[in-house]
Amino acid sequence: MLRTLSIRDFVIVDVIELEFSAGFSVFTGETGAGKSILIDALALALGGRGDASVVREGAARADITADFAASPEVESWLVTNACQVEEGGVLLRRVIDNAGRSKAFINGIAATATQLRELGEMLVDIHGQHAHQSLLKTDAQRQLLDTQAGLQEQVKAVTAAYRSWRALARQREEFERNAKNVLVERERLEWQVSELDKLAARPGEWSEVSTEHSRLSHAAALIDGAQEALNAISEADQPMLSQLMSLNSKLDKLAGIDADLKPIIELLEPARIQLQEAVYGLNDYLSKVELDPARLRSVEARMSDLHVTARKFRVQPEDLPAEFDSLSAQLRQLAAATDMASLRAQEDQARDAYMALATKLGKARAKAAAALSTAVTAAMQDLSMSGGRFSVALQPGEPGASGIEQIEFMVAGHAGTTLRPLAKVASGGELARIALAISVITSASTATPTLIFDEVDSGIGGGVAEVVGRLLKRLGQDRQVLCVTHLPQVASQASQHFEVSKASSNGKPVSRIQVLDAKARVEEVARMLGGLEITATTRKHARELLAL
């Protein structure tokens, strides 16, 4: 539940610090005092939209902080979203400066407005004073029924299935419209893939044939050079290897006379060994290298094929295998997309899947519609609409993202009258009472710990207002209920009463708020009953209402 609310420099509020208790609390005050401003401030802390206009004139920024008790579900959300978990509570803060820049915080950690809204939906459910107007829209009626019945996940599944089905239908329709162009493109790809398939270029082949061609085309020079080196080292009249061996033999004899020559002999010996190894290597190389004109012609022909094909496809020769893979993939995709029988089969399968989900959703809606119809009809009897009926009508409709039925709220205001669409109910008072009954009933089924009703009781009065007060008080037994009201019959039912007033500070209007004690509540309820002039009679009536 909401524990504290701190508001600074918001619209006509300078500084307000409020503490809330469980149960049913009301906000009352003169028109324009700022009652709904408090709800607007809380909505902003819960991620609502705001701009520079919400900053009090002359102030640098508006700052709203709301402290809530945290349920296990909320704590789990905080952990999932990497927010600081404070023991037993969650602190939401929203700051908007006079340039319209916004900052949001959850337990002191910077957050986005989207995160505030997501978390706020778990903490507070706000019913605005124009809720009955939104109920006139069929989309709002459908969403309310689905929310009341907890069908949101089924609706998401139906929406996803519908989009999948329609995407396949559009693909099939697009093919039918452009069949000729698609076939031309398919033939072009088939020819290109066939050309590359015949060539059969392998990854890395261009590098291999280039190297081999270089070797074959220079075979004569390679053989001559290797033979010349071999001759110089071991096969000439005075080869290097023989000369080195002779030098080693002479120095070895001289080392017997002077031992200082031994280190030099040790340096020359590895040179002799290396030259001998070079001889072995050159002999081996010469045994493998040969003049092969036929192989050279074959390699040159392959290089030409690769080069010509690469120019034709406007790629580098080494990229031909990748080009083949890419065009083959395009051809497979296009072939699948141009298989009309396959397209129709996929479309039919997607439609069947959608219809199965939509039918299941429709059955769940029908069950929920019956329960909601019964509950609202019962509430109407208590709201001076004796004999009135409420019905949620489900009519077959065209398949759509939200299902296969049209949902419409139907109302008969009195016994003997015909059910008519809610949007055509002539009486504003009837509409307000029905909307209030729906709000209370749907709120009773939600797990949201804090419910806020912002002048949803407008358009009613007398005995009906007293019934409304009792309904809200009963709702407050299970959760926290905050209500902005102008009806004394509703205000008198509250366990906590806040009075909102407007004063002047430095020539500017400023909203003030205070918690009323028992004596002050009598005066406020009397004001609500009698207007500007409070008499002993209105005070007596106020005490009677509060006693009830």
Protein backbone atom coordinates (compact mmCIF):
# COMPACT_ATOMS: atom_id res chain seq x y z
CA MET A 1 0.00 0.00 0.00
CA LEU A 2 0.96 3.68 -0.30
CA ARG A 3 2.66 4.80 2.92
CA THR A 4 3.87 8.32 2.22
CA LEU A 5 3.66 10.86 -0.60
CA SER A 6 6.00 13.85 -0.88
CA ILE A 7 5.22 16.61 -3.40
CA ARG A 8 7.36 19.67 -4.07
CA ASP A 9 6.69 22.49 -6.52
CA PHE A 10 4.02 20.66 -8.51
CA VAL A 11 1.42 22.89 -10.25
CA ILE A 12 0.07 24.90 -7.26
CA VAL A 13 1.64 22.71 -4.56
CA ASP A 14 4.77 24.07 -2.86
CA VAL A 15 5.51 21.42 -0.21
CA ILE A 16 3.24 18.62 0.96
CA GLU A 17 4.20 15.58 3.02
CA LEU A 18 1.41 13.00 3.50
CA GLU A 19 1.20 9.77 5.47
CA PHE A 20 -1.47 7.22 4.62
CA SER A 21 -3.05 4.35 6.50
CA ALA A 22 -4.79 1.21 5.33
CA GLY A 23 -8.51 1.17 4.64
CA PHE A 24 -10.69 3.82 3.00
CA SER A 25 -9.40 7.42 2.83
CA VAL A 26 -11.01 10.44 1.18
CA PHE A 27 -9.85 13.81 -0.14
CA THR A 28 -12.37 16.63 -0.03
CA GLY A 29 -12.29 20.38 -0.49
CA GLU A 30 -13.64 23.25 -2.53
CA THR A 31 -13.60 23.02 -6.31
CA GLY A 32 -10.20 24.10 -7.64
CA ALA A 33 -8.42 23.53 -4.33
CA GLY A 34 -6.19 20.88 -5.88
CA LYS A 35 -7.75 17.55 -4.92
CA SER A 36 -7.14 15.93 -8.28
CA ILE A 37 -3.69 17.51 -8.45
CA LEU A 38 -2.60 15.07 -5.74
CA ILE A 39 -3.73 12.16 -7.90
CA ASP A 40 -1.95 13.68 -10.90
CA ALA A 41 1.25 13.96 -8.88
CA LEU A 42 1.04 10.33 -7.80
CA ALA A 43 0.33 9.29 -11.39
CA LEU A 44 3.51 11.12 -12.43
CA ALA A 45 5.53 9.21 -9.83
CA LEU A 46 4.05 6.03 -11.29
CA GLY A 47 5.45 6.83 -14.74
CA GLY A 48 2.74 9.08 -16.16
CA ARG A 49 3.52 11.68 -18.80
CA GLY A 50 4.72 15.08 -17.67
CA ASP A 51 6.26 18.21 -19.10
CA ALA A 52 7.47 21.61 -17.96
CA SER A 53 3.88 22.77 -17.35
CA VAL A 54 3.67 20.68 -14.15
CA VAL A 55 6.46 22.69 -12.49
CA ARG A 56 5.11 25.35 -10.12
CA GLU A 57 5.58 28.85 -11.48
CA GLY A 58 8.96 30.26 -10.42
CA ALA A 59 10.35 26.87 -9.31
CA ALA A 60 13.29 25.04 -10.87
CA ARG A 61 11.77 21.57 -10.77
CA ALA A 62 8.86 19.46 -9.58
CA ASP A 63 9.82 16.56 -7.31
CA ILE A 64 7.39 13.76 -6.34
CA THR A 65 8.32 10.80 -4.14
CA ALA A 66 5.98 7.92 -3.24
CA ASP A 67 6.82 5.24 -0.68
CA PHE A 68 4.99 1.89 -0.94
CA ALA A 69 5.02 -1.29 1.08
CA ALA A 70 6.48 -3.99 -1.19
CA SER A 71 4.78 -7.32 -1.82
CA PRO A 72 6.82 -10.44 -2.71
CA GLU A 73 5.75 -9.92 -6.34
CA VAL A 74 7.15 -6.37 -6.29
CA GLU A 75 10.39 -7.51 -4.66
CA SER A 76 10.77 -10.16 -7.36
CA TRP A 77 10.32 -7.47 -10.03
CA LEU A 78 12.99 -5.33 -8.37
CA VAL A 79 15.46 -8.22 -8.40
CA THR A 80 14.67 -9.07 -12.04
CA ASN A 81 15.18 -5.44 -13.11
CA ALA A 82 18.42 -5.01 -11.14
CA CYS A 83 16.90 -2.41 -8.80
CA GLN A 84 17.98 -1.94 -5.21
CA VAL A 85 15.76 -3.98 -2.87
CA GLU A 86 14.92 -2.12 0.30
CA GLU A 87 13.59 -4.22 3.17
CA GLY A 88 9.80 -3.99 3.18
CA GLY A 89 9.40 -1.05 0.82
CA VAL A 90 9.86 0.52 -2.60
CA LEU A 91 10.51 4.23 -3.20
CA LEU A 92 9.47 5.79 -6.50
CA ARG A 93 10.69 9.27 -7.39
CA ARG A 94 10.09 11.49 -10.40
CA VAL A 95 11.76 14.84 -11.06
CA ILE A 96 10.83 17.18 -13.94
CA ASP A 97 12.66 20.47 -14.41
CA ASN A 98 11.29 23.66 -15.91
CA ALA A 99 12.86 22.76 -19.27
CA GLY A 100 10.75 19.59 -19.44
CA ARG A 101 13.61 17.17 -18.73
CA SER A 102 12.55 14.17 -16.67
CA LYS A 103 14.40 11.84 -14.30
CA ALA A 104 13.04 8.71 -12.63
CA PHE A 105 14.36 6.69 -9.70
CA ILE A 106 13.42 3.39 -8.06
CA ASN A 107 14.90 2.98 -4.57
CA GLY A 108 17.46 5.63 -5.44
CA ILE A 109 18.59 3.93 -8.66
CA ALA A 110 18.03 5.72 -11.96
CA ALA A 111 15.17 4.15 -13.92
CA THR A 112 13.08 4.79 -17.01
CA ALA A 113 9.51 6.06 -17.10
CA THR A 114 8.58 2.73 -18.67
CA GLN A 115 9.96 0.88 -15.64
CA LEU A 116 8.00 3.21 -13.35
CA ARG A 117 4.81 2.45 -15.27
CA GLU A 118 5.44 -1.28 -15.22
CA LEU A 119 6.08 -1.26 -11.48
CA GLY A 120 3.28 1.24 -10.87
CA GLU A 121 0.71 -1.11 -12.40
CA MET A 122 1.60 -3.62 -9.68
CA LEU A 123 1.16 -1.02 -6.93
CA VAL A 124 -1.78 1.22 -7.83
CA ASP A 125 -4.94 1.07 -9.93
CA ILE A 126 -6.35 4.52 -10.75
CA HIS A 127 -9.97 5.03 -11.81
CA GLY A 128 -10.27 8.53 -13.25
CA GLN A 129 -13.26 10.83 -13.13
CA HIS A 130 -13.82 10.28 -16.86
CA ALA A 131 -13.75 6.48 -16.62
CA HIS A 132 -17.38 6.27 -17.71
CA GLN A 133 -16.49 8.06 -20.94
CA SER A 134 -13.82 5.52 -21.87
CA LEU A 135 -16.33 2.73 -21.18
CA LEU A 136 -18.37 3.96 -24.14
CA LYS A 137 -15.66 2.63 -26.49
CA THR A 138 -15.93 -1.01 -27.50
CA ASP A 139 -12.15 -1.47 -27.34
CA ALA A 140 -12.15 -0.30 -23.72
CA GLN A 141 -15.04 -2.66 -22.95
CA ARG A 142 -13.17 -5.61 -24.43
CA GLN A 143 -9.97 -4.75 -22.55
CA LEU A 144 -11.90 -4.40 -19.28
CA LEU A 145 -13.53 -7.82 -19.71
CA ASP A 146 -10.21 -9.46 -20.58
CA THR A 147 -8.46 -7.81 -17.63
CA GLN A 148 -11.27 -8.75 -15.26
CA ALA A 149 -11.04 -12.38 -16.37
CA GLY A 150 -7.22 -12.47 -16.47
CA LEU A 151 -7.17 -13.29 -20.18
CA GLN A 152 -4.31 -10.98 -21.19
CA GLU A 153 -1.91 -13.83 -22.01
CA GLN A 154 -4.52 -15.60 -24.13
CA VAL A 155 -5.18 -12.33 -25.97
CA LYS A 156 -1.44 -11.94 -26.67
CA ALA A 157 -1.31 -15.48 -28.06
CA VAL A 158 -4.33 -14.81 -30.30
CA THR A 159 -2.80 -11.54 -31.52
CA ALA A 160 0.51 -13.26 -32.37
CA ALA A 161 -1.30 -16.09 -34.19
CA TYR A 162 -3.40 -13.60 -36.14
CA ARG A 163 -0.34 -11.64 -37.27
CA SER A 164 1.41 -14.85 -38.34
CA TRP A 165 -1.62 -15.94 -40.33
CA ARG A 166 -2.08 -12.57 -42.01
CA ALA A 167 1.65 -12.37 -42.88
CA LEU A 168 1.39 -15.66 -44.76
CA ALA A 169 -1.81 -14.51 -46.44
CA ARG A 170 -0.13 -11.31 -47.60
CA GLN A 171 2.84 -13.31 -48.90
CA ARG A 172 0.52 -15.54 -50.91
CA GLU A 173 -1.47 -12.56 -52.22
CA GLU A 174 1.74 -10.76 -53.14
CA PHE A 175 2.91 -13.78 -55.11
CA GLU A 176 -0.39 -14.00 -56.93
CA ARG A 177 -0.11 -10.34 -57.92
CA ASN A 178 3.53 -10.58 -59.01
CA ALA A 179 3.68 -14.17 -60.19
CA LYS A 180 5.24 -13.28 -63.56
CA ASN A 181 8.01 -11.13 -62.07
CA VAL A 182 8.74 -13.73 -59.41
CA LEU A 183 9.06 -16.48 -62.00
CA VAL A 184 11.44 -14.36 -64.10
CA GLU A 185 13.59 -13.76 -61.02
CA ARG A 186 13.51 -17.44 -60.18
CA GLU A 187 14.67 -18.38 -63.72
CA ARG A 188 17.51 -15.86 -63.48
CA LEU A 189 18.68 -17.32 -60.19
CA GLU A 190 18.42 -20.88 -61.52
CA TRP A 191 20.67 -19.98 -64.48
CA GLN A 192 23.23 -18.26 -62.23
CA VAL A 193 23.31 -21.14 -59.75
CA SER A 194 23.65 -23.61 -62.65
CA GLU A 195 26.63 -21.69 -64.06
CA LEU A 196 28.39 -21.63 -60.71
CA ASP A 197 27.53 -25.25 -60.04
CA LYS A 198 29.19 -26.31 -63.30
CA LEU A 199 32.27 -24.28 -62.43
CA ALA A 200 32.38 -25.92 -58.97
CA ALA A 201 34.83 -23.45 -57.50
CA ARG A 202 36.21 -24.61 -54.19
CA PRO A 203 37.00 -22.36 -51.20
CA GLY A 204 40.69 -21.41 -51.46
CA GLU A 205 41.01 -22.80 -55.01
CA TRP A 206 41.99 -19.49 -56.60
CA SER A 207 44.97 -19.17 -54.26
CA GLU A 208 46.00 -22.78 -54.98
CA VAL A 209 45.89 -22.52 -58.79
CA SER A 210 47.60 -19.12 -58.73
CA THR A 211 50.49 -20.59 -56.77
CA GLU A 212 50.70 -23.66 -58.99
CA HIS A 213 50.58 -21.56 -62.16
CA SER A 214 53.41 -19.39 -60.92
CA ARG A 215 55.49 -22.47 -60.20
CA LEU A 216 54.76 -24.21 -63.52
CA SER A 217 55.29 -21.10 -65.64
CA HIS A 218 58.73 -20.57 -64.07
CA ALA A 219 59.76 -24.24 -63.95
CA ALA A 220 62.74 -23.81 -66.32
CA ALA A 221 64.15 -20.92 -64.33
CA LEU A 222 63.61 -22.80 -61.08
CA ILE A 223 65.41 -25.90 -62.40
CA ASP A 224 68.32 -23.87 -63.77
CA GLY A 225 68.72 -21.92 -60.54
CA ALA A 226 68.58 -25.01 -58.33
CA GLN A 227 71.07 -26.90 -60.56
CA GLU A 228 73.46 -23.98 -60.59
CA ALA A 229 73.39 -23.84 -56.78
CA LEU A 230 73.94 -27.60 -56.57
CA ASN A 231 76.92 -27.39 -58.95
CA ALA A 232 78.55 -24.61 -56.98
CA ILE A 233 78.17 -26.46 -53.70
CA SER A 234 79.09 -30.05 -54.67
CA GLU A 235 79.51 -30.78 -58.40
CA ALA A 236 81.87 -28.11 -59.86
CA ASP A 237 85.60 -28.61 -60.40
CA GLN A 238 86.30 -27.03 -57.05
CA PRO A 239 82.95 -27.17 -55.19
CA MET A 240 82.42 -25.25 -51.97
CA LEU A 241 81.80 -28.38 -49.92
CA SER A 242 85.12 -29.99 -51.01
CA GLN A 243 87.07 -26.79 -50.35
CA LEU A 244 85.52 -26.47 -46.89
CA MET A 245 86.30 -30.10 -46.05
CA SER A 246 89.93 -29.59 -47.20
CA LEU A 247 90.27 -26.46 -45.05
CA ASN A 248 88.87 -28.31 -42.04
CA SER A 249 91.42 -31.13 -42.54
CA LYS A 250 94.36 -28.69 -42.74
CA LEU A 251 93.26 -26.68 -39.73
CA ASP A 252 92.70 -29.86 -37.75
CA LYS A 253 96.36 -30.81 -38.31
CA LEU A 254 97.53 -27.32 -37.40
CA ALA A 255 95.41 -27.41 -34.24
CA GLY A 256 97.77 -30.12 -33.02
CA ILE A 257 100.44 -27.42 -33.03
CA ASP A 258 98.30 -24.52 -31.75
CA ALA A 259 95.13 -25.35 -29.81
CA ASP A 260 93.79 -21.80 -30.37
CA LEU A 261 92.62 -22.97 -33.84
CA LYS A 262 90.10 -25.45 -32.36
CA PRO A 263 87.35 -22.86 -31.78
CA ILE A 264 87.62 -21.86 -35.45
CA ILE A 265 87.33 -25.50 -36.54
CA GLU A 266 84.22 -25.81 -34.35
CA LEU A 267 82.68 -22.82 -36.17
CA LEU A 268 83.45 -24.23 -39.65
CA GLU A 269 82.06 -27.71 -38.95
CA PRO A 270 78.36 -26.57 -38.72
CA ALA A 271 78.85 -24.69 -42.00
CA ARG A 272 79.99 -27.92 -43.65
CA ILE A 273 76.99 -29.77 -42.24
CA GLN A 274 74.58 -27.06 -43.47
CA LEU A 275 76.08 -27.15 -46.95
CA GLN A 276 75.69 -30.92 -47.03
CA GLU A 277 72.02 -30.56 -46.00
CA ALA A 278 71.56 -27.97 -48.76
CA VAL A 279 72.88 -30.51 -51.27
CA TYR A 280 70.35 -33.09 -50.10
CA GLY A 281 67.54 -30.48 -50.28
CA LEU A 282 68.46 -29.32 -53.78
CA ASN A 283 68.64 -32.89 -55.09
CA ASP A 284 65.20 -33.58 -53.62
CA TYR A 285 63.76 -30.37 -55.11
CA LEU A 286 65.19 -31.13 -58.58
CA SER A 287 63.68 -34.61 -58.45
CA LYS A 288 60.22 -33.09 -58.03
CA VAL A 289 60.32 -30.05 -60.29
CA GLU A 290 59.83 -30.81 -63.92
CA LEU A 291 58.71 -29.09 -67.07
CA ASP A 292 55.00 -30.03 -67.54
CA PRO A 293 53.51 -28.03 -70.41
CA ALA A 294 50.28 -30.06 -70.34
CA ARG A 295 49.67 -29.33 -66.66
CA LEU A 296 50.56 -25.69 -67.21
CA ARG A 297 47.93 -25.45 -69.98
CA SER A 298 45.37 -27.12 -67.74
CA VAL A 299 46.03 -24.73 -64.86
CA GLU A 300 45.91 -21.71 -67.17
CA ALA A 301 42.56 -22.89 -68.55
CA ARG A 302 41.16 -23.25 -65.00
CA MET A 303 42.40 -19.80 -64.05
CA SER A 304 40.76 -18.38 -67.15
CA ASP A 305 37.43 -20.04 -66.32
CA LEU A 306 37.52 -18.71 -62.77
CA HIS A 307 38.49 -15.24 -63.90
CA VAL A 308 35.86 -15.01 -66.68
CA THR A 309 33.08 -16.23 -64.38
CA ALA A 310 34.13 -13.82 -61.66
CA ARG A 311 33.92 -10.91 -64.11
CA LYS A 312 30.50 -12.12 -65.26
CA PHE A 313 29.19 -12.14 -61.68
CA ARG A 314 31.11 -8.98 -60.75
CA VAL A 315 32.99 -10.54 -57.84
CA GLN A 316 36.60 -11.42 -57.13
CA PRO A 317 37.67 -14.96 -58.21
CA GLU A 318 38.26 -15.97 -54.59
CA ASP A 319 34.64 -14.95 -53.75
CA LEU A 320 32.98 -17.32 -56.26
CA PRO A 321 32.22 -20.10 -53.69
CA ALA A 322 30.53 -17.58 -51.36
CA GLU A 323 28.55 -16.15 -54.28
CA PHE A 324 27.35 -19.66 -55.13
CA ASP A 325 26.17 -20.22 -51.54
CA SER A 326 24.38 -16.85 -51.45
CA LEU A 327 22.56 -17.32 -54.76
CA SER A 328 21.63 -20.89 -53.84
CA ALA A 329 20.07 -19.67 -50.59
CA GLN A 330 18.11 -16.99 -52.47
CA LEU A 331 16.89 -19.59 -54.93
CA ARG A 332 15.76 -21.94 -52.17
CA GLN A 333 13.92 -19.09 -50.43
CA LEU A 334 12.28 -17.97 -53.66
CA ALA A 335 11.39 -21.52 -54.59
CA ALA A 336 9.68 -21.97 -51.23
CA ALA A 337 7.90 -18.64 -51.61
CA THR A 338 6.68 -19.49 -55.11
CA ASP A 339 5.36 -22.90 -54.17
CA MET A 340 1.68 -21.97 -54.24
CA ALA A 341 0.50 -25.26 -52.78
CA SER A 342 2.97 -24.93 -49.93
CA LEU A 343 2.00 -21.30 -49.35
CA ARG A 344 -1.68 -22.17 -49.18
CA ALA A 345 -0.97 -25.08 -46.84
CA GLN A 346 1.06 -22.86 -44.51
CA GLU A 347 -1.64 -20.18 -44.60
CA ASP A 348 -4.38 -22.72 -43.81
CA GLN A 349 -2.30 -24.16 -40.98
CA ALA A 350 -1.73 -20.69 -39.49
CA ARG A 351 -5.43 -19.86 -39.82
CA ASP A 352 -6.42 -23.11 -38.07
CA ALA A 353 -3.98 -22.36 -35.25
CA TYR A 354 -5.43 -18.84 -34.91
CA MET A 355 -9.03 -20.11 -34.92
CA ALA A 356 -8.24 -22.70 -32.24
CA LEU A 357 -6.77 -20.05 -29.94
CA ALA A 358 -9.50 -17.52 -30.74
CA THR A 359 -12.25 -20.08 -30.09
CA LYS A 360 -10.71 -20.97 -26.73
CA LEU A 361 -10.49 -17.26 -25.88
CA GLY A 362 -14.11 -16.77 -26.92
CA LYS A 363 -15.29 -19.51 -24.55
CA ALA A 364 -13.34 -17.95 -21.67
CA ARG A 365 -14.81 -14.54 -22.51
CA ALA A 366 -18.33 -15.95 -22.57
CA LYS A 367 -17.84 -17.39 -19.09
CA ALA A 368 -16.35 -14.14 -17.78
CA ALA A 369 -19.10 -12.10 -19.49
CA ALA A 370 -21.80 -14.05 -17.67
CA ALA A 371 -20.10 -13.53 -14.30
CA LEU A 372 -19.54 -9.80 -14.88
CA SER A 373 -23.13 -9.35 -16.10
CA THR A 374 -24.50 -10.96 -12.94
CA ALA A 375 -22.24 -8.95 -10.62
CA VAL A 376 -22.95 -5.55 -12.22
CA THR A 377 -26.71 -6.27 -12.39
CA ALA A 378 -26.67 -7.02 -8.66
CA ALA A 379 -24.76 -3.80 -7.94
CA MET A 380 -27.26 -1.78 -10.00
CA GLN A 381 -30.05 -2.80 -7.63
CA ASP A 382 -28.20 -1.10 -4.77
CA LEU A 383 -27.57 2.01 -6.87
CA SER A 384 -31.25 2.99 -7.28
CA MET A 385 -31.60 1.14 -10.57
CA SER A 386 -34.10 -1.42 -9.30
CA GLY A 387 -34.97 -3.94 -12.00
CA GLY A 388 -32.10 -2.76 -14.16
CA ARG A 389 -29.95 -5.21 -16.03
CA PHE A 390 -26.42 -5.29 -17.35
CA SER A 391 -25.18 -7.71 -19.97
CA VAL A 392 -21.91 -8.26 -21.78
CA ALA A 393 -22.93 -9.22 -25.32
CA LEU A 394 -20.60 -11.32 -27.44
CA GLN A 395 -21.53 -11.21 -31.10
CA PRO A 396 -19.75 -13.11 -33.90
CA GLY A 397 -17.41 -10.83 -35.79
CA GLU A 398 -14.70 -10.86 -38.40
CA PRO A 399 -11.47 -12.54 -37.28
CA GLY A 400 -9.11 -9.92 -35.91
CA ALA A 401 -6.10 -9.42 -33.69
CA SER A 402 -8.31 -9.46 -30.57
CA GLY A 403 -10.43 -12.49 -31.45
CA ILE A 404 -13.49 -13.54 -33.43
CA GLU A 405 -16.22 -11.80 -31.45
CA GLN A 406 -17.43 -8.26 -30.94
CA ILE A 407 -17.88 -7.29 -27.30
CA GLU A 408 -20.40 -4.68 -26.22
CA PHE A 409 -21.78 -3.67 -22.84
CA MET A 410 -25.60 -3.63 -22.86
CA VAL A 411 -27.79 -1.91 -20.24
CA ALA A 412 -31.43 -1.72 -19.32
CA GLY A 413 -31.79 1.03 -16.72
CA HIS A 414 -35.11 -0.12 -15.27
CA ALA A 415 -37.41 -3.13 -15.19
CA GLY A 416 -39.28 -3.65 -18.41
CA THR A 417 -36.85 -1.70 -20.58
CA THR A 418 -34.89 -3.22 -23.42
CA LEU A 419 -31.18 -3.81 -23.24
CA ARG A 420 -29.35 -1.15 -25.23
CA PRO A 421 -25.65 -0.48 -25.88
CA LEU A 422 -24.03 1.39 -23.00
CA ALA A 423 -22.95 4.09 -25.45
CA LYS A 424 -26.63 4.89 -26.07
CA VAL A 425 -27.67 5.26 -22.43
CA ALA A 426 -29.22 8.75 -22.32
CA SER A 427 -28.93 9.49 -18.59
CA GLY A 428 -25.54 10.73 -17.43
CA GLY A 429 -26.43 9.71 -13.88
CA GLU A 430 -27.19 6.16 -14.96
CA LEU A 431 -23.97 5.98 -16.90
CA ALA A 432 -21.98 7.25 -13.90
CA ARG A 433 -23.57 4.69 -11.56
CA ILE A 434 -22.99 1.80 -13.96
CA ALA A 435 -19.37 2.87 -14.52
CA LEU A 436 -18.85 3.09 -10.76
CA ALA A 437 -20.37 -0.36 -10.23
CA ILE A 438 -18.07 -1.80 -12.91
CA SER A 439 -15.03 -0.05 -11.39
CA VAL A 440 -15.76 -1.38 -7.89
CA ILE A 441 -16.44 -4.92 -9.12
CA THR A 442 -13.37 -5.11 -11.34
CA SER A 443 -11.23 -3.58 -8.59
CA ALA A 444 -12.41 -6.21 -6.14
CA SER A 445 -11.01 -8.94 -8.38
CA THR A 446 -7.58 -7.38 -8.90
CA ALA A 447 -4.55 -8.03 -6.70
CA THR A 448 -3.45 -4.38 -6.83
CA PRO A 449 -3.00 -3.27 -3.18
CA THR A 450 -3.95 0.41 -3.65
CA LEU A 451 -7.05 1.63 -5.50
CA ILE A 452 -7.67 5.28 -6.31
CA PHE A 453 -11.04 6.70 -7.36
CA ASP A 454 -10.85 10.26 -8.68
CA GLU A 455 -14.38 11.75 -8.54
CA VAL A 456 -15.89 8.63 -10.07
CA ASP A 457 -19.01 9.40 -7.99
CA SER A 458 -19.83 12.52 -10.01
CA GLY A 459 -23.39 12.57 -11.31
CA ILE A 460 -24.92 10.75 -8.35
CA GLY A 461 -26.25 11.85 -4.98
CA GLY A 462 -28.77 11.20 -2.21
CA GLY A 463 -29.25 7.63 -1.08
CA VAL A 464 -27.20 6.33 -4.00
CA ALA A 465 -24.19 8.29 -2.73
CA GLU A 466 -24.52 6.58 0.64
CA VAL A 467 -24.54 3.18 -1.08
CA VAL A 468 -21.44 4.19 -3.03
CA GLY A 469 -19.71 5.14 0.21
CA ARG A 470 -20.53 1.78 1.72
CA LEU A 471 -19.22 0.00 -1.38
CA LEU A 472 -15.92 1.85 -1.19
CA LYS A 473 -15.64 1.27 2.55
CA ARG A 474 -16.28 -2.45 2.03
CA LEU A 475 -13.60 -2.47 -0.67
CA GLY A 476 -11.24 -0.77 1.82
CA GLN A 477 -11.50 -3.71 4.20
CA ASP A 478 -9.32 -5.80 1.88
CA ARG A 479 -7.01 -3.13 0.44
CA GLN A 480 -6.13 0.54 0.56
CA VAL A 481 -8.72 2.79 -1.14
CA LEU A 482 -8.16 6.50 -1.80
CA CYS A 483 -11.05 8.55 -3.15
CA VAL A 484 -11.40 12.16 -4.27
CA THR A 485 -15.05 13.02 -3.67
CA HIS A 486 -17.49 15.92 -3.38
CA LEU A 487 -20.22 13.83 -1.71
CA PRO A 488 -20.62 14.02 2.08
CA GLN A 489 -22.30 10.60 2.09
CA VAL A 490 -19.09 9.10 0.66
CA ALA A 491 -16.69 11.18 2.76
CA SER A 492 -18.42 10.22 6.00
CA GLN A 493 -17.66 6.52 5.36
CA ALA A 494 -13.88 7.01 5.33
CA SER A 495 -11.52 5.95 8.08
CA GLN A 496 -9.08 8.75 7.16
CA HIS A 497 -10.14 12.17 5.90
CA PHE A 498 -7.88 14.73 4.14
CA GLU A 499 -9.06 18.26 3.49
CA VAL A 500 -7.54 20.10 0.52
CA SER A 501 -7.70 23.90 0.51
CA LYS A 502 -6.23 26.72 -1.51
CA ALA A 503 -4.43 29.70 -0.01
CA SER A 504 -2.32 32.57 -1.34
CA SER A 505 1.42 32.92 -0.87
CA ASN A 506 3.26 35.93 -2.30
CA GLY A 507 0.28 36.59 -4.50
CA LYS A 508 0.27 33.05 -5.95
CA PRO A 509 -2.23 30.25 -5.25
CA VAL A 510 -0.90 27.42 -3.12
CA SER A 511 -2.61 24.15 -2.30
CA ARG A 512 -2.69 23.01 1.34
CA ILE A 513 -3.75 19.69 2.84
CA GLN A 514 -4.38 18.45 6.36
CA VAL A 515 -5.63 15.31 8.08
CA LEU A 516 -8.90 16.04 9.88
CA ASP A 517 -9.64 15.00 13.44
CA ALA A 518 -13.15 14.11 14.57
CA LYS A 519 -14.20 17.73 15.23
CA ALA A 520 -12.75 19.03 11.96
CA ARG A 521 -14.46 16.22 10.05
CA VAL A 522 -17.83 17.39 11.33
CA GLU A 523 -17.11 20.88 10.01
CA GLU A 524 -15.94 19.61 6.61
CA VAL A 525 -18.88 17.24 6.14
CA ALA A 526 -21.21 20.05 7.24
CA ARG A 527 -19.63 22.33 4.62
CA MET A 528 -20.16 19.66 1.98
CA LEU A 529 -23.81 19.39 3.07
CA GLY A 530 -24.66 23.06 3.46
CA GLY A 531 -22.23 25.03 1.33
CA LEU A 532 -20.77 28.34 2.54
CA GLU A 533 -23.10 28.81 5.52
CA ILE A 534 -22.74 26.10 8.14
CA THR A 535 -25.62 25.91 10.60
CA ALA A 536 -26.37 23.85 13.66
CA THR A 537 -28.68 21.75 11.50
CA THR A 538 -25.99 20.92 8.98
CA ARG A 539 -23.55 20.10 11.80
CA LYS A 540 -26.13 17.80 13.33
CA HIS A 541 -26.68 16.13 9.98
CA ALA A 542 -22.90 15.79 9.54
CA ARG A 543 -22.55 14.14 12.96
CA GLU A 544 -25.34 11.73 12.04
CA LEU A 545 -23.62 10.78 8.80
CA LEU A 546 -20.31 10.22 10.57
CA ALA A 547 -22.02 8.20 13.28
CA LEU A 548 -23.53 5.93 10.65
